[in-house]
Amino acid sequence: MSEQTDKKMTSGEALKAVYALLQEGGYDPVGQLVGYLLSEDPTYITNVGNARVLVRYIDRDELLKDLLFNYLKE
């Protein structure tokens, strides 16, 4: 994981990494990520496996654009 943090991560890579770390740690990744994305408060993310640091690589605007594009795509 440290190799990932050495280079600039994309929002998608960060999202997948945080999700996996939270899931592996036995946490509710969806609940924690929703809390973070709505508030931009990193304390919503447990620090298991450095997830709280990685979550800061997520660009909320980019993520929302991608979600809307993929959701509305036919």
N, C-alpha and C. Protein backbone atom coordinates (compact mmCIF):
# COMPACT_ATOMS: atom_id res chain seq x y z
N MET A 1 0.82 -1.20 0.00
CA MET A 1 0.00 0.00 0.00
C MET A 1 0.86 1.26 0.00
N SER A 2 2.04 1.21 0.58
CA SER A 2 2.88 2.40 0.61
C SER A 2 3.33 2.79 -0.79
N GLU A 3 3.47 1.81 -1.69
CA GLU A 3 3.83 2.12 -3.07
C GLU A 3 2.72 2.94 -3.73
N GLN A 4 1.47 2.64 -3.40
CA GLN A 4 0.34 3.40 -3.94
C GLN A 4 0.37 4.84 -3.46
N THR A 5 0.73 5.08 -2.22
CA THR A 5 0.71 6.44 -1.70
C THR A 5 1.89 7.26 -2.19
N ASP A 6 2.94 6.60 -2.69
CA ASP A 6 4.10 7.32 -3.22
C ASP A 6 3.76 8.06 -4.50
N LYS A 7 2.85 7.51 -5.30
CA LYS A 7 2.43 8.18 -6.53
C LYS A 7 1.05 8.78 -6.29
N LYS A 8 0.67 9.69 -7.16
CA LYS A 8 -0.65 10.29 -7.03
C LYS A 8 -1.71 9.28 -7.43
N MET A 9 -2.62 9.00 -6.52
CA MET A 9 -3.70 8.06 -6.79
C MET A 9 -4.85 8.78 -7.47
N THR A 10 -5.58 8.06 -8.30
CA THR A 10 -6.82 8.61 -8.84
C THR A 10 -7.90 8.45 -7.78
N SER A 11 -8.99 9.15 -7.95
CA SER A 11 -10.11 9.02 -7.03
C SER A 11 -10.63 7.60 -7.00
N GLY A 12 -10.69 6.97 -8.17
CA GLY A 12 -11.18 5.60 -8.25
C GLY A 12 -10.28 4.62 -7.51
N GLU A 13 -8.98 4.78 -7.67
CA GLU A 13 -8.03 3.91 -6.97
C GLU A 13 -8.15 4.10 -5.46
N ALA A 14 -8.26 5.34 -5.04
CA ALA A 14 -8.38 5.63 -3.60
C ALA A 14 -9.67 5.06 -3.05
N LEU A 15 -10.76 5.23 -3.78
CA LEU A 15 -12.06 4.71 -3.33
C LEU A 15 -12.02 3.20 -3.16
N LYS A 16 -11.47 2.51 -4.15
CA LYS A 16 -11.38 1.05 -4.09
C LYS A 16 -10.47 0.60 -2.95
N ALA A 17 -9.35 1.30 -2.75
CA ALA A 17 -8.42 0.94 -1.69
C ALA A 17 -9.04 1.14 -0.31
N VAL A 18 -9.70 2.28 -0.12
CA VAL A 18 -10.34 2.56 1.17
C VAL A 18 -11.45 1.54 1.43
N TYR A 19 -12.26 1.28 0.43
CA TYR A 19 -13.35 0.30 0.57
C TYR A 19 -12.79 -1.06 1.01
N ALA A 20 -11.74 -1.52 0.33
CA ALA A 20 -11.16 -2.82 0.65
C ALA A 20 -10.58 -2.84 2.07
N LEU A 21 -9.89 -1.78 2.45
CA LEU A 21 -9.30 -1.73 3.80
C LEU A 21 -10.38 -1.76 4.88
N LEU A 22 -11.45 -0.99 4.68
CA LEU A 22 -12.52 -0.97 5.67
C LEU A 22 -13.23 -2.31 5.74
N GLN A 23 -13.46 -2.91 4.58
CA GLN A 23 -14.12 -4.22 4.55
C GLN A 23 -13.26 -5.28 5.23
N GLU A 24 -11.97 -5.28 4.94
CA GLU A 24 -11.04 -6.23 5.57
C GLU A 24 -10.99 -6.04 7.07
N GLY A 25 -11.14 -4.79 7.53
CA GLY A 25 -11.10 -4.50 8.95
C GLY A 25 -12.41 -4.80 9.67
N GLY A 26 -13.42 -5.24 8.92
CA GLY A 26 -14.71 -5.59 9.52
C GLY A 26 -15.62 -4.40 9.73
N TYR A 27 -15.34 -3.30 9.05
CA TYR A 27 -16.15 -2.10 9.18
C TYR A 27 -17.18 -2.02 8.06
N ASP A 28 -18.11 -1.07 8.17
CA ASP A 28 -19.11 -0.83 7.14
C ASP A 28 -18.56 0.21 6.17
N PRO A 29 -17.96 -0.23 5.06
CA PRO A 29 -17.32 0.73 4.16
C PRO A 29 -18.29 1.70 3.52
N VAL A 30 -19.47 1.25 3.16
CA VAL A 30 -20.44 2.13 2.51
C VAL A 30 -20.87 3.23 3.47
N GLY A 31 -21.21 2.88 4.69
CA GLY A 31 -21.63 3.87 5.68
C GLY A 31 -20.56 4.90 5.96
N GLN A 32 -19.32 4.43 6.12
CA GLN A 32 -18.23 5.36 6.41
C GLN A 32 -17.94 6.25 5.21
N LEU A 33 -17.95 5.69 4.01
CA LEU A 33 -17.67 6.50 2.82
C LEU A 33 -18.77 7.51 2.56
N VAL A 34 -20.01 7.14 2.76
CA VAL A 34 -21.11 8.09 2.59
C VAL A 34 -20.96 9.24 3.59
N GLY A 35 -20.67 8.92 4.82
CA GLY A 35 -20.46 9.95 5.84
C GLY A 35 -19.34 10.90 5.45
N TYR A 36 -18.25 10.35 4.95
CA TYR A 36 -17.13 11.19 4.53
C TYR A 36 -17.50 12.03 3.32
N LEU A 37 -18.12 11.42 2.32
CA LEU A 37 -18.43 12.16 1.09
C LEU A 37 -19.43 13.28 1.33
N LEU A 38 -20.35 13.09 2.25
CA LEU A 38 -21.32 14.14 2.55
C LEU A 38 -20.72 15.27 3.37
N SER A 39 -19.81 14.94 4.26
CA SER A 39 -19.28 15.94 5.19
C SER A 39 -17.86 16.41 4.87
N GLU A 40 -17.12 15.61 4.16
CA GLU A 40 -15.69 15.81 3.91
C GLU A 40 -14.87 15.81 5.21
N ASP A 41 -15.41 15.16 6.22
CA ASP A 41 -14.74 15.03 7.51
C ASP A 41 -14.05 13.66 7.56
N PRO A 42 -12.72 13.63 7.51
CA PRO A 42 -12.01 12.35 7.46
C PRO A 42 -12.19 11.48 8.70
N THR A 43 -12.71 12.03 9.79
CA THR A 43 -12.90 11.20 10.99
C THR A 43 -14.04 10.21 10.80
N TYR A 44 -14.81 10.34 9.72
CA TYR A 44 -15.81 9.31 9.41
C TYR A 44 -15.15 8.00 9.00
N ILE A 45 -13.89 8.08 8.58
CA ILE A 45 -13.17 6.91 8.10
C ILE A 45 -12.24 6.41 9.20
N THR A 46 -12.41 5.14 9.55
CA THR A 46 -11.52 4.52 10.52
C THR A 46 -10.11 4.49 9.95
N ASN A 47 -9.12 4.59 10.77
CA ASN A 47 -7.75 4.65 10.29
C ASN A 47 -7.12 3.28 10.02
N VAL A 48 -7.92 2.25 9.94
CA VAL A 48 -7.40 0.91 9.67
C VAL A 48 -6.63 0.92 8.34
N GLY A 49 -5.41 0.41 8.37
CA GLY A 49 -4.60 0.31 7.16
C GLY A 49 -4.32 1.63 6.47
N ASN A 50 -4.36 2.72 7.22
CA ASN A 50 -4.11 4.05 6.66
C ASN A 50 -5.24 4.56 5.76
N ALA A 51 -6.44 4.02 5.95
CA ALA A 51 -7.59 4.39 5.12
C ALA A 51 -7.92 5.88 5.23
N ARG A 52 -7.73 6.45 6.40
CA ARG A 52 -8.05 7.87 6.58
C ARG A 52 -7.13 8.76 5.74
N VAL A 53 -5.90 8.35 5.57
CA VAL A 53 -4.97 9.10 4.71
C VAL A 53 -5.37 8.93 3.24
N LEU A 54 -5.67 7.70 2.86
CA LEU A 54 -6.01 7.42 1.46
C LEU A 54 -7.30 8.10 1.02
N VAL A 55 -8.25 8.25 1.92
CA VAL A 55 -9.54 8.82 1.54
C VAL A 55 -9.38 10.27 1.07
N ARG A 56 -8.33 10.91 1.47
CA ARG A 56 -8.11 12.31 1.05
C ARG A 56 -7.71 12.43 -0.41
N TYR A 57 -7.42 11.31 -1.05
CA TYR A 57 -7.12 11.31 -2.48
C TYR A 57 -8.39 11.34 -3.33
N ILE A 58 -9.54 11.18 -2.70
CA ILE A 58 -10.81 11.16 -3.44
C ILE A 58 -11.25 12.59 -3.73
N ASP A 59 -11.43 12.89 -4.99
CA ASP A 59 -11.96 14.18 -5.42
C ASP A 59 -13.48 14.01 -5.52
N ARG A 60 -14.20 14.63 -4.60
CA ARG A 60 -15.66 14.44 -4.54
C ARG A 60 -16.35 14.87 -5.82
N ASP A 61 -15.95 15.97 -6.41
CA ASP A 61 -16.58 16.44 -7.64
C ASP A 61 -16.38 15.44 -8.76
N GLU A 62 -15.15 14.95 -8.90
CA GLU A 62 -14.85 13.96 -9.93
C GLU A 62 -15.66 12.69 -9.71
N LEU A 63 -15.74 12.25 -8.46
CA LEU A 63 -16.47 11.04 -8.14
C LEU A 63 -17.96 11.19 -8.44
N LEU A 64 -18.55 12.31 -8.05
CA LEU A 64 -19.97 12.53 -8.32
C LEU A 64 -20.26 12.60 -9.82
N LYS A 65 -19.40 13.24 -10.58
CA LYS A 65 -19.57 13.29 -12.04
C LYS A 65 -19.54 11.88 -12.62
N ASP A 66 -18.57 11.08 -12.18
CA ASP A 66 -18.46 9.71 -12.68
C ASP A 66 -19.68 8.87 -12.30
N LEU A 67 -20.14 9.03 -11.06
CA LEU A 67 -21.31 8.28 -10.62
C LEU A 67 -22.54 8.64 -11.43
N LEU A 68 -22.77 9.93 -11.62
CA LEU A 68 -23.93 10.35 -12.41
C LEU A 68 -23.82 9.90 -13.85
N PHE A 69 -22.66 10.04 -14.44
CA PHE A 69 -22.47 9.61 -15.82
C PHE A 69 -22.78 8.13 -15.97
N ASN A 70 -22.21 7.32 -15.09
CA ASN A 70 -22.42 5.86 -15.18
C ASN A 70 -23.84 5.45 -14.83
N TYR A 71 -24.46 6.14 -13.91
CA TYR A 71 -25.83 5.81 -13.50
C TYR A 71 -26.82 6.16 -14.61
N LEU A 72 -26.61 7.29 -15.27
CA LEU A 72 -27.55 7.75 -16.29
C LEU A 72 -27.25 7.22 -17.68
N LYS A 73 -26.11 6.59 -17.85
CA LYS A 73 -25.71 6.03 -19.13
C LYS A 73 -26.66 4.89 -19.51
N GLU A 74 -27.06 4.88 -20.76
CA GLU A 74 -27.98 3.81 -21.21
C GLU A 74 -27.24 2.68 -21.86
